[in-house]
Amino acid sequence: FGWVLAAALLAIFLGWALSWVFALFGLLAKSSTMVQSFSMITMMVLSF
């Protein structure tokens, strides 16, 4: 379980770090639609 927890915490930390990137884009974007579109494209490209 310790290694499962370590893997989960590392992934959560990276996700929280990336939240700052998307937060910055949310502040700079003109609309939530633009943020959603950018986020979806980024997520799909990076994961697939």
All heavy atoms as atom14 arrays in JSON, in Angstrom:
{
  "sequence": "FGWVLAAALLAIFLGWALSWVFALFGLLAKSSTMVQSFSMITMMVLSF",
  "atom14_mask": [
    [1, 1, 1, 1, 1, 1, 1, 1, 1, 1, 1, 0, 0, 0],
    [1, 1, 1, 1, 0, 0, 0, 0, 0, 0, 0, 0, 0, 0],
    [1, 1, 1, 1, 1, 1, 1, 1, 1, 1, 1, 1, 1, 1],
    [1, 1, 1, 1, 1, 1, 1, 0, 0, 0, 0, 0, 0, 0],
    [1, 1, 1, 1, 1, 1, 1, 1, 0, 0, 0, 0, 0, 0],
    [1, 1, 1, 1, 1, 0, 0, 0, 0, 0, 0, 0, 0, 0],
    [1, 1, 1, 1, 1, 0, 0, 0, 0, 0, 0, 0, 0, 0],
    [1, 1, 1, 1, 1, 0, 0, 0, 0, 0, 0, 0, 0, 0],
    [1, 1, 1, 1, 1, 1, 1, 1, 0, 0, 0, 0, 0, 0],
    [1, 1, 1, 1, 1, 1, 1, 1, 0, 0, 0, 0, 0, 0],
    [1, 1, 1, 1, 1, 0, 0, 0, 0, 0, 0, 0, 0, 0],
    [1, 1, 1, 1, 1, 1, 1, 1, 0, 0, 0, 0, 0, 0],
    [1, 1, 1, 1, 1, 1, 1, 1, 1, 1, 1, 0, 0, 0],
    [1, 1, 1, 1, 1, 1, 1, 1, 0, 0, 0, 0, 0, 0],
    [1, 1, 1, 1, 0, 0, 0, 0, 0, 0, 0, 0, 0, 0],
    [1, 1, 1, 1, 1, 1, 1, 1, 1, 1, 1, 1, 1, 1],
    [1, 1, 1, 1, 1, 0, 0, 0, 0, 0, 0, 0, 0, 0],
    [1, 1, 1, 1, 1, 1, 1, 1, 0, 0, 0, 0, 0, 0],
    [1, 1, 1, 1, 1, 1, 0, 0, 0, 0, 0, 0, 0, 0],
    [1, 1, 1, 1, 1, 1, 1, 1, 1, 1, 1, 1, 1, 1],
    [1, 1, 1, 1, 1, 1, 1, 0, 0, 0, 0, 0, 0, 0],
    [1, 1, 1, 1, 1, 1, 1, 1, 1, 1, 1, 0, 0, 0],
    [1, 1, 1, 1, 1, 0, 0, 0, 0, 0, 0, 0, 0, 0],
    [1, 1, 1, 1, 1, 1, 1, 1, 0, 0, 0, 0, 0, 0],
    [1, 1, 1, 1, 1, 1, 1, 1, 1, 1, 1, 0, 0, 0],
    [1, 1, 1, 1, 0, 0, 0, 0, 0, 0, 0, 0, 0, 0],
    [1, 1, 1, 1, 1, 1, 1, 1, 0, 0, 0, 0, 0, 0],
    [1, 1, 1, 1, 1, 1, 1, 1, 0, 0, 0, 0, 0, 0],
    [1, 1, 1, 1, 1, 0, 0, 0, 0, 0, 0, 0, 0, 0],
    [1, 1, 1, 1, 1, 1, 1, 1, 1, 0, 0, 0, 0, 0],
    [1, 1, 1, 1, 1, 1, 0, 0, 0, 0, 0, 0, 0, 0],
    [1, 1, 1, 1, 1, 1, 0, 0, 0, 0, 0, 0, 0, 0],
    [1, 1, 1, 1, 1, 1, 1, 0, 0, 0, 0, 0, 0, 0],
    [1, 1, 1, 1, 1, 1, 1, 1, 0, 0, 0, 0, 0, 0],
    [1, 1, 1, 1, 1, 1, 1, 0, 0, 0, 0, 0, 0, 0],
    [1, 1, 1, 1, 1, 1, 1, 1, 1, 0, 0, 0, 0, 0],
    [1, 1, 1, 1, 1, 1, 0, 0, 0, 0, 0, 0, 0, 0],
    [1, 1, 1, 1, 1, 1, 1, 1, 1, 1, 1, 0, 0, 0],
    [1, 1, 1, 1, 1, 1, 0, 0, 0, 0, 0, 0, 0, 0],
    [1, 1, 1, 1, 1, 1, 1, 1, 0, 0, 0, 0, 0, 0],
    [1, 1, 1, 1, 1, 1, 1, 1, 0, 0, 0, 0, 0, 0],
    [1, 1, 1, 1, 1, 1, 1, 0, 0, 0, 0, 0, 0, 0],
    [1, 1, 1, 1, 1, 1, 1, 1, 0, 0, 0, 0, 0, 0],
    [1, 1, 1, 1, 1, 1, 1, 1, 0, 0, 0, 0, 0, 0],
    [1, 1, 1, 1, 1, 1, 1, 0, 0, 0, 0, 0, 0, 0],
    [1, 1, 1, 1, 1, 1, 1, 1, 0, 0, 0, 0, 0, 0],
    [1, 1, 1, 1, 1, 1, 0, 0, 0, 0, 0, 0, 0, 0],
    [1, 1, 1, 1, 1, 1, 1, 1, 1, 1, 1, 0, 0, 0]
  ],
  "atom14_positions": [
    [[0.82, -1.21, 0.0], [0.0, 0.0, 0.0], [0.85, 1.25, 0.0], [0.46, 2.28, -0.57], [-0.92, -0.01, 1.22], [-1.75, 1.24, 1.35], [-2.85, 1.46, 0.53], [-1.4, 2.22, 2.28], [-3.61, 2.62, 0.65], [-2.15, 3.39, 2.41], [-3.25, 3.58, 1.59], [0.0, 0.0, 0.0], [0.0, 0.0, 0.0], [0.0, 0.0, 0.0]],
    [[2.02, 1.21, 0.62], [2.88, 2.38, 0.68], [3.29, 2.87, -0.69], [3.32, 4.09, -0.94], [0.0, 0.0, 0.0], [0.0, 0.0, 0.0], [0.0, 0.0, 0.0], [0.0, 0.0, 0.0], [0.0, 0.0, 0.0], [0.0, 0.0, 0.0], [0.0, 0.0, 0.0], [0.0, 0.0, 0.0], [0.0, 0.0, 0.0], [0.0, 0.0, 0.0]],
    [[3.59, 1.95, -1.59], [3.97, 2.34, -2.95], [2.79, 2.85, -3.74], [2.91, 3.74, -4.58], [4.66, 1.19, -3.67], [6.07, 1.0, -3.25], [6.59, 0.01, -2.47], [7.17, 1.88, -3.56], [7.94, 0.2, -2.28], [8.32, 1.33, -2.94], [7.29, 3.06, -4.28], [9.57, 1.94, -3.03], [8.53, 3.66, -4.39], [9.65, 3.12, -3.76]],
    [[1.61, 2.26, -3.51], [0.4, 2.78, -4.16], [0.15, 4.21, -3.71], [-0.17, 5.1, -4.52], [-0.82, 1.89, -3.84], [-2.09, 2.49, -4.43], [-0.6, 0.48, -4.37], [0.0, 0.0, 0.0], [0.0, 0.0, 0.0], [0.0, 0.0, 0.0], [0.0, 0.0, 0.0], [0.0, 0.0, 0.0], [0.0, 0.0, 0.0], [0.0, 0.0, 0.0]],
    [[0.31, 4.45, -2.41], [0.12, 5.79, -1.87], [1.16, 6.76, -2.43], [0.85, 7.9, -2.78], [0.21, 5.76, -0.35], [0.0, 7.09, 0.39], [-1.39, 7.63, 0.11], [0.21, 6.91, 1.89], [0.0, 0.0, 0.0], [0.0, 0.0, 0.0], [0.0, 0.0, 0.0], [0.0, 0.0, 0.0], [0.0, 0.0, 0.0], [0.0, 0.0, 0.0]],
    [[2.42, 6.3, -2.55], [3.48, 7.15, -3.1], [3.18, 7.53, -4.54], [3.35, 8.7, -4.95], [4.82, 6.44, -3.01], [0.0, 0.0, 0.0], [0.0, 0.0, 0.0], [0.0, 0.0, 0.0], [0.0, 0.0, 0.0], [0.0, 0.0, 0.0], [0.0, 0.0, 0.0], [0.0, 0.0, 0.0], [0.0, 0.0, 0.0], [0.0, 0.0, 0.0]],
    [[2.73, 6.56, -5.33], [2.39, 6.84, -6.74], [1.22, 7.82, -6.83], [1.22, 8.74, -7.65], [2.04, 5.53, -7.45], [0.0, 0.0, 0.0], [0.0, 0.0, 0.0], [0.0, 0.0, 0.0], [0.0, 0.0, 0.0], [0.0, 0.0, 0.0], [0.0, 0.0, 0.0], [0.0, 0.0, 0.0], [0.0, 0.0, 0.0], [0.0, 0.0, 0.0]],
    [[0.23, 7.64, -5.96], [-0.94, 8.53, -5.96], [-0.54, 9.95, -5.57], [-0.97, 10.92, -6.21], [-2.01, 7.98, -5.01], [0.0, 0.0, 0.0], [0.0, 0.0, 0.0], [0.0, 0.0, 0.0], [0.0, 0.0, 0.0], [0.0, 0.0, 0.0], [0.0, 0.0, 0.0], [0.0, 0.0, 0.0], [0.0, 0.0, 0.0], [0.0, 0.0, 0.0]],
    [[0.29, 10.08, -4.54], [0.69, 11.41, -4.08], [1.54, 12.13, -5.13], [1.4, 13.35, -5.32], [1.47, 11.29, -2.76], [0.65, 10.88, -1.54], [1.54, 10.72, -0.32], [-0.46, 11.88, -1.25], [0.0, 0.0, 0.0], [0.0, 0.0, 0.0], [0.0, 0.0, 0.0], [0.0, 0.0, 0.0], [0.0, 0.0, 0.0], [0.0, 0.0, 0.0]],
    [[2.42, 11.4, -5.8], [3.23, 12.01, -6.86], [2.33, 12.52, -7.98], [2.51, 13.64, -8.48], [4.24, 11.01, -7.41], [5.16, 11.53, -8.53], [6.05, 12.66, -8.02], [6.01, 10.4, -9.1], [0.0, 0.0, 0.0], [0.0, 0.0, 0.0], [0.0, 0.0, 0.0], [0.0, 0.0, 0.0], [0.0, 0.0, 0.0], [0.0, 0.0, 0.0]],
    [[1.35, 11.69, -8.38], [0.43, 12.1, -9.45], [-0.42, 13.29, -9.03], [-0.65, 14.22, -9.81], [-0.46, 10.91, -9.83], [0.0, 0.0, 0.0], [0.0, 0.0, 0.0], [0.0, 0.0, 0.0], [0.0, 0.0, 0.0], [0.0, 0.0, 0.0], [0.0, 0.0, 0.0], [0.0, 0.0, 0.0], [0.0, 0.0, 0.0], [0.0, 0.0, 0.0]],
    [[-0.88, 13.3, -7.78], [-1.69, 14.41, -7.28], [-0.87, 15.69, -7.24], [-1.36, 16.77, -7.62], [-2.25, 14.08, -5.89], [-3.33, 12.99, -6.01], [-2.85, 15.32, -5.22], [-3.79, 12.44, -4.68], [0.0, 0.0, 0.0], [0.0, 0.0, 0.0], [0.0, 0.0, 0.0], [0.0, 0.0, 0.0], [0.0, 0.0, 0.0], [0.0, 0.0, 0.0]],
    [[0.38, 15.59, -6.79], [1.24, 16.77, -6.75], [1.44, 17.35, -8.14], [1.36, 18.58, -8.33], [2.59, 16.43, -6.13], [3.6, 17.55, -6.26], [3.45, 18.73, -5.56], [4.68, 17.42, -7.12], [4.37, 19.77, -5.69], [5.6, 18.45, -7.27], [5.45, 19.63, -6.55], [0.0, 0.0, 0.0], [0.0, 0.0, 0.0], [0.0, 0.0, 0.0]],
    [[1.68, 16.48, -9.12], [1.87, 16.99, -10.48], [0.58, 17.62, -11.0], [0.61, 18.66, -11.66], [2.31, 15.86, -11.41], [2.64, 16.3, -12.84], [3.87, 17.19, -12.86], [2.84, 15.11, -13.76], [0.0, 0.0, 0.0], [0.0, 0.0, 0.0], [0.0, 0.0, 0.0], [0.0, 0.0, 0.0], [0.0, 0.0, 0.0], [0.0, 0.0, 0.0]],
    [[-0.57, 16.98, -10.7], [-1.85, 17.56, -11.11], [-2.06, 18.93, -10.49], [-2.54, 19.86, -11.17], [0.0, 0.0, 0.0], [0.0, 0.0, 0.0], [0.0, 0.0, 0.0], [0.0, 0.0, 0.0], [0.0, 0.0, 0.0], [0.0, 0.0, 0.0], [0.0, 0.0, 0.0], [0.0, 0.0, 0.0], [0.0, 0.0, 0.0], [0.0, 0.0, 0.0]],
    [[-1.69, 19.08, -9.21], [-1.84, 20.39, -8.55], [-0.89, 21.41, -9.17], [-1.26, 22.57, -9.35], [-1.54, 20.24, -7.06], [-1.69, 21.53, -6.32], [-2.85, 22.17, -5.97], [-0.63, 22.36, -5.83], [-2.58, 23.34, -5.3], [-1.22, 23.49, -5.2], [0.76, 22.27, -5.87], [-0.47, 24.49, -4.6], [1.51, 23.27, -5.29], [0.9, 24.37, -4.66]],
    [[0.32, 20.97, -9.52], [1.26, 21.89, -10.17], [0.7, 22.37, -11.51], [0.78, 23.56, -11.84], [2.61, 21.18, -10.38], [0.0, 0.0, 0.0], [0.0, 0.0, 0.0], [0.0, 0.0, 0.0], [0.0, 0.0, 0.0], [0.0, 0.0, 0.0], [0.0, 0.0, 0.0], [0.0, 0.0, 0.0], [0.0, 0.0, 0.0], [0.0, 0.0, 0.0]],
    [[0.1, 21.45, -12.27], [-0.47, 21.84, -13.56], [-1.69, 22.74, -13.39], [-2.04, 23.49, -14.32], [-0.85, 20.58, -14.35], [0.32, 19.74, -14.86], [-0.18, 18.44, -15.48], [1.14, 20.52, -15.88], [0.0, 0.0, 0.0], [0.0, 0.0, 0.0], [0.0, 0.0, 0.0], [0.0, 0.0, 0.0], [0.0, 0.0, 0.0], [0.0, 0.0, 0.0]],
    [[-2.33, 22.68, -12.23], [-3.47, 23.58, -11.98], [-3.05, 25.04, -12.09], [-3.84, 25.89, -12.52], [-4.05, 23.32, -10.58], [-4.6, 22.04, -10.48], [0.0, 0.0, 0.0], [0.0, 0.0, 0.0], [0.0, 0.0, 0.0], [0.0, 0.0, 0.0], [0.0, 0.0, 0.0], [0.0, 0.0, 0.0], [0.0, 0.0, 0.0], [0.0, 0.0, 0.0]],
    [[-1.81, 25.35, -11.72], [-1.32, 26.72, -11.85], [-1.23, 27.14, -13.31], [-1.5, 28.29, -13.65], [0.05, 26.85, -11.19], [0.01, 26.82, -9.7], [0.19, 25.74, -8.89], [-0.25, 27.92, -8.82], [0.06, 26.1, -7.57], [-0.21, 27.43, -7.5], [-0.52, 29.28, -9.02], [-0.41, 28.24, -6.39], [-0.72, 30.1, -7.92], [-0.67, 29.58, -6.63]],
    [[-0.86, 26.2, -14.18], [-0.77, 26.51, -15.62], [-2.15, 26.83, -16.16], [-2.36, 27.84, -16.86], [-0.15, 25.33, -16.39], [-0.06, 25.66, -17.87], [1.23, 24.99, -15.83], [0.0, 0.0, 0.0], [0.0, 0.0, 0.0], [0.0, 0.0, 0.0], [0.0, 0.0, 0.0], [0.0, 0.0, 0.0], [0.0, 0.0, 0.0], [0.0, 0.0, 0.0]],
    [[-3.13, 25.98, -15.85], [-4.48, 26.19, -16.35], [-5.14, 27.41, -15.69], [-5.95, 28.09, -16.32], [-5.32, 24.94, -16.13], [-4.95, 23.8, -17.04], [-4.23, 22.72, -16.57], [-5.3, 23.82, -18.38], [-3.88, 21.68, -17.4], [-4.95, 22.78, -19.23], [-4.23, 21.7, -18.74], [0.0, 0.0, 0.0], [0.0, 0.0, 0.0], [0.0, 0.0, 0.0]],
    [[-4.77, 27.67, -14.42], [-5.29, 28.87, -13.76], [-4.81, 30.12, -14.47], [-5.57, 31.09, -14.66], [-4.87, 28.89, -12.29], [0.0, 0.0, 0.0], [0.0, 0.0, 0.0], [0.0, 0.0, 0.0], [0.0, 0.0, 0.0], [0.0, 0.0, 0.0], [0.0, 0.0, 0.0], [0.0, 0.0, 0.0], [0.0, 0.0, 0.0], [0.0, 0.0, 0.0]],
    [[-3.54, 30.12, -14.88], [-3.0, 31.26, -15.62], [-3.75, 31.45, -16.93], [-4.11, 32.59, -17.29], [-1.51, 31.04, -15.89], [-0.82, 32.12, -16.75], [-0.89, 33.48, -16.08], [0.63, 31.72, -17.03], [0.0, 0.0, 0.0], [0.0, 0.0, 0.0], [0.0, 0.0, 0.0], [0.0, 0.0, 0.0], [0.0, 0.0, 0.0], [0.0, 0.0, 0.0]],
    [[-4.0, 30.36, -17.64], [-4.74, 30.48, -18.89], [-6.16, 30.96, -18.64], [-6.71, 31.75, -19.42], [-4.76, 29.14, -19.63], [-5.4, 29.23, -20.98], [-4.76, 29.84, -22.04], [-6.68, 28.72, -21.18], [-5.36, 29.93, -23.29], [-7.29, 28.81, -22.43], [-6.63, 29.42, -23.49], [0.0, 0.0, 0.0], [0.0, 0.0, 0.0], [0.0, 0.0, 0.0]],
    [[-6.77, 30.5, -17.53], [-8.11, 30.96, -17.2], [-8.16, 32.46, -16.95], [-9.14, 33.13, -17.29], [0.0, 0.0, 0.0], [0.0, 0.0, 0.0], [0.0, 0.0, 0.0], [0.0, 0.0, 0.0], [0.0, 0.0, 0.0], [0.0, 0.0, 0.0], [0.0, 0.0, 0.0], [0.0, 0.0, 0.0], [0.0, 0.0, 0.0], [0.0, 0.0, 0.0]],
    [[-7.09, 33.01, -16.37], [-7.02, 34.45, -16.13], [-6.8, 35.24, -17.41], [-7.27, 36.37, -17.55], [-5.89, 34.76, -15.14], [-6.13, 34.31, -13.69], [-4.83, 34.38, -12.91], [-7.2, 35.18, -13.03], [0.0, 0.0, 0.0], [0.0, 0.0, 0.0], [0.0, 0.0, 0.0], [0.0, 0.0, 0.0], [0.0, 0.0, 0.0], [0.0, 0.0, 0.0]],
    [[-6.08, 34.65, -18.36], [-5.74, 35.35, -19.59], [-6.77, 35.17, -20.7], [-6.88, 36.01, -21.6], [-4.37, 34.89, -20.11], [-3.17, 35.15, -19.18], [-1.9, 34.58, -19.79], [-3.02, 36.64, -18.89], [0.0, 0.0, 0.0], [0.0, 0.0, 0.0], [0.0, 0.0, 0.0], [0.0, 0.0, 0.0], [0.0, 0.0, 0.0], [0.0, 0.0, 0.0]],
    [[-7.52, 34.07, -20.67], [-8.48, 33.78, -21.73], [-9.66, 34.75, -21.68], [-9.94, 35.38, -20.65], [-8.98, 32.34, -21.6], [0.0, 0.0, 0.0], [0.0, 0.0, 0.0], [0.0, 0.0, 0.0], [0.0, 0.0, 0.0], [0.0, 0.0, 0.0], [0.0, 0.0, 0.0], [0.0, 0.0, 0.0], [0.0, 0.0, 0.0], [0.0, 0.0, 0.0]],
    [[-10.36, 34.85, -22.8], [-11.47, 35.79, -22.89], [-12.8, 35.2, -22.44], [-13.74, 35.94, -22.15], [-11.6, 36.29, -24.34], [-10.41, 37.13, -24.8], [-10.62, 37.63, -26.21], [-9.46, 38.52, -26.66], [-9.64, 39.04, -28.05], [0.0, 0.0, 0.0], [0.0, 0.0, 0.0], [0.0, 0.0, 0.0], [0.0, 0.0, 0.0], [0.0, 0.0, 0.0]],
    [[-12.89, 33.86, -22.41], [-14.15, 33.24, -22.02], [-13.89, 31.85, -21.49], [-12.85, 31.24, -21.76], [-15.12, 33.16, -23.22], [-14.61, 32.27, -24.2], [0.0, 0.0, 0.0], [0.0, 0.0, 0.0], [0.0, 0.0, 0.0], [0.0, 0.0, 0.0], [0.0, 0.0, 0.0], [0.0, 0.0, 0.0], [0.0, 0.0, 0.0], [0.0, 0.0, 0.0]],
    [[-14.87, 31.32, -20.73], [-14.74, 29.97, -20.2], [-14.8, 28.93, -21.32], [-14.23, 27.85, -21.2], [-15.84, 29.7, -19.17], [-17.13, 29.85, -19.76], [0.0, 0.0, 0.0], [0.0, 0.0, 0.0], [0.0, 0.0, 0.0], [0.0, 0.0, 0.0], [0.0, 0.0, 0.0], [0.0, 0.0, 0.0], [0.0, 0.0, 0.0], [0.0, 0.0, 0.0]],
    [[-15.49, 29.27, -22.41], [-15.55, 28.36, -23.56], [-14.17, 28.14, -24.15], [-13.79, 27.02, -24.5], [-16.5, 28.9, -24.64], [-17.8, 29.09, -24.1], [-16.59, 27.94, -25.82], [0.0, 0.0, 0.0], [0.0, 0.0, 0.0], [0.0, 0.0, 0.0], [0.0, 0.0, 0.0], [0.0, 0.0, 0.0], [0.0, 0.0, 0.0], [0.0, 0.0, 0.0]],
    [[-13.41, 29.23, -24.25], [-12.04, 29.12, -24.76], [-11.18, 28.27, -23.82], [-10.38, 27.44, -24.28], [-11.43, 30.51, -24.92], [-10.0, 30.51, -25.45], [-9.28, 32.17, -25.56], [-10.33, 32.88, -26.85], [0.0, 0.0, 0.0], [0.0, 0.0, 0.0], [0.0, 0.0, 0.0], [0.0, 0.0, 0.0], [0.0, 0.0, 0.0], [0.0, 0.0, 0.0]],
    [[-11.37, 28.46, -22.52], [-10.61, 27.67, -21.55], [-10.95, 26.19, -21.67], [-10.07, 25.33, -21.67], [-10.88, 28.17, -20.12], [-10.13, 27.31, -19.1], [-10.48, 29.62, -19.97], [0.0, 0.0, 0.0], [0.0, 0.0, 0.0], [0.0, 0.0, 0.0], [0.0, 0.0, 0.0], [0.0, 0.0, 0.0], [0.0, 0.0, 0.0], [0.0, 0.0, 0.0]],
    [[-12.24, 25.89, -21.78], [-12.67, 24.5, -21.9], [-12.13, 23.85, -23.17], [-11.66, 22.7, -23.14], [-14.19, 24.42, -21.88], [-14.8, 24.75, -20.52], [-16.32, 24.81, -20.57], [-16.93, 24.84, -21.63], [-16.95, 24.85, -19.4], [0.0, 0.0, 0.0], [0.0, 0.0, 0.0], [0.0, 0.0, 0.0], [0.0, 0.0, 0.0], [0.0, 0.0, 0.0]],
    [[-12.17, 24.58, -24.28], [-11.67, 24.04, -25.55], [-10.17, 23.78, -25.48], [-9.69, 22.71, -25.87], [-11.98, 25.01, -26.69], [-13.36, 25.21, -26.84], [0.0, 0.0, 0.0], [0.0, 0.0, 0.0], [0.0, 0.0, 0.0], [0.0, 0.0, 0.0], [0.0, 0.0, 0.0], [0.0, 0.0, 0.0], [0.0, 0.0, 0.0], [0.0, 0.0, 0.0]],
    [[-9.42, 24.75, -24.96], [-7.98, 24.59, -24.82], [-7.65, 23.43, -23.89], [-6.76, 22.61, -24.17], [-7.37, 25.89, -24.28], [-5.91, 25.77, -23.91], [-4.93, 25.81, -24.89], [-5.54, 25.61, -22.58], [-3.59, 25.7, -24.53], [-4.2, 25.5, -22.22], [-3.22, 25.54, -23.2], [0.0, 0.0, 0.0], [0.0, 0.0, 0.0], [0.0, 0.0, 0.0]],
    [[-8.37, 23.33, -22.77], [-8.11, 22.27, -21.8], [-8.4, 20.89, -22.39], [-7.62, 19.95, -22.2], [-8.97, 22.49, -20.55], [-8.69, 23.74, -19.96], [0.0, 0.0, 0.0], [0.0, 0.0, 0.0], [0.0, 0.0, 0.0], [0.0, 0.0, 0.0], [0.0, 0.0, 0.0], [0.0, 0.0, 0.0], [0.0, 0.0, 0.0], [0.0, 0.0, 0.0]],
    [[-9.5, 20.77, -23.13], [-9.86, 19.49, -23.72], [-8.82, 19.06, -24.76], [-8.38, 17.89, -24.77], [-11.24, 19.58, -24.37], [-11.69, 18.3, -25.07], [-11.83, 16.88, -23.95], [-13.25, 17.4, -22.97], [0.0, 0.0, 0.0], [0.0, 0.0, 0.0], [0.0, 0.0, 0.0], [0.0, 0.0, 0.0], [0.0, 0.0, 0.0], [0.0, 0.0, 0.0]],
    [[-8.43, 19.98, -25.63], [-7.44, 19.65, -26.65], [-6.11, 19.25, -26.01], [-5.48, 18.25, -26.4], [-7.23, 20.84, -27.61], [-8.5, 21.08, -28.43], [-6.04, 20.6, -28.53], [-8.47, 22.35, -29.25], [0.0, 0.0, 0.0], [0.0, 0.0, 0.0], [0.0, 0.0, 0.0], [0.0, 0.0, 0.0], [0.0, 0.0, 0.0], [0.0, 0.0, 0.0]],
    [[-5.68, 20.01, -25.0], [-4.43, 19.71, -24.32], [-4.47, 18.35, -23.66], [-3.53, 17.55, -23.77], [-4.13, 20.79, -23.26], [-4.06, 22.07, -23.88], [-2.81, 20.5, -22.56], [0.0, 0.0, 0.0], [0.0, 0.0, 0.0], [0.0, 0.0, 0.0], [0.0, 0.0, 0.0], [0.0, 0.0, 0.0], [0.0, 0.0, 0.0], [0.0, 0.0, 0.0]],
    [[-5.57, 18.06, -22.96], [-5.7, 16.79, -22.27], [-5.71, 15.62, -23.24], [-5.03, 14.6, -23.02], [-6.98, 16.79, -21.43], [-7.16, 15.56, -20.55], [-8.13, 14.24, -21.33], [-9.75, 14.99, -21.37], [0.0, 0.0, 0.0], [0.0, 0.0, 0.0], [0.0, 0.0, 0.0], [0.0, 0.0, 0.0], [0.0, 0.0, 0.0], [0.0, 0.0, 0.0]],
    [[-6.44, 15.75, -24.35], [-6.53, 14.67, -25.32], [-5.18, 14.41, -26.0], [-4.75, 13.26, -26.16], [-7.6, 15.0, -26.37], [-8.99, 15.15, -25.81], [-9.68, 13.61, -25.16], [-10.19, 12.82, -26.68], [0.0, 0.0, 0.0], [0.0, 0.0, 0.0], [0.0, 0.0, 0.0], [0.0, 0.0, 0.0], [0.0, 0.0, 0.0], [0.0, 0.0, 0.0]],
    [[-4.5, 15.48, -26.41], [-3.22, 15.32, -27.1], [-2.18, 14.71, -26.17], [-1.48, 13.74, -26.53], [-2.72, 16.69, -27.64], [-1.29, 16.57, -28.15], [-3.63, 17.17, -28.76], [0.0, 0.0, 0.0], [0.0, 0.0, 0.0], [0.0, 0.0, 0.0], [0.0, 0.0, 0.0], [0.0, 0.0, 0.0], [0.0, 0.0, 0.0], [0.0, 0.0, 0.0]],
    [[-2.06, 15.25, -24.96], [-1.04, 14.75, -24.04], [-1.28, 13.31, -23.61], [-0.34, 12.53, -23.44], [-0.97, 15.66, -22.81], [-0.36, 17.04, -23.02], [-0.42, 17.86, -21.73], [1.08, 16.94, -23.5], [0.0, 0.0, 0.0], [0.0, 0.0, 0.0], [0.0, 0.0, 0.0], [0.0, 0.0, 0.0], [0.0, 0.0, 0.0], [0.0, 0.0, 0.0]],
    [[-2.54, 12.95, -23.41], [-2.84, 11.59, -22.94], [-2.8, 10.55, -24.05], [-2.22, 9.47, -23.88], [-4.2, 11.56, -22.23], [-5.23, 11.99, -23.1], [0.0, 0.0, 0.0], [0.0, 0.0, 0.0], [0.0, 0.0, 0.0], [0.0, 0.0, 0.0], [0.0, 0.0, 0.0], [0.0, 0.0, 0.0], [0.0, 0.0, 0.0], [0.0, 0.0, 0.0]],
    [[-3.37, 10.87, -25.21], [-3.4, 9.87, -26.29], [-2.1, 9.79, -27.07], [-1.8, 8.77, -27.68], [-4.57, 10.16, -27.23], [-5.91, 9.8, -26.64], [-6.76, 10.77, -26.17], [-6.3, 8.47, -26.53], [-7.99, 10.44, -25.6], [-7.52, 8.12, -25.97], [-8.37, 9.11, -25.5], [0.0, 0.0, 0.0], [0.0, 0.0, 0.0], [0.0, 0.0, 0.0]]
  ]
}
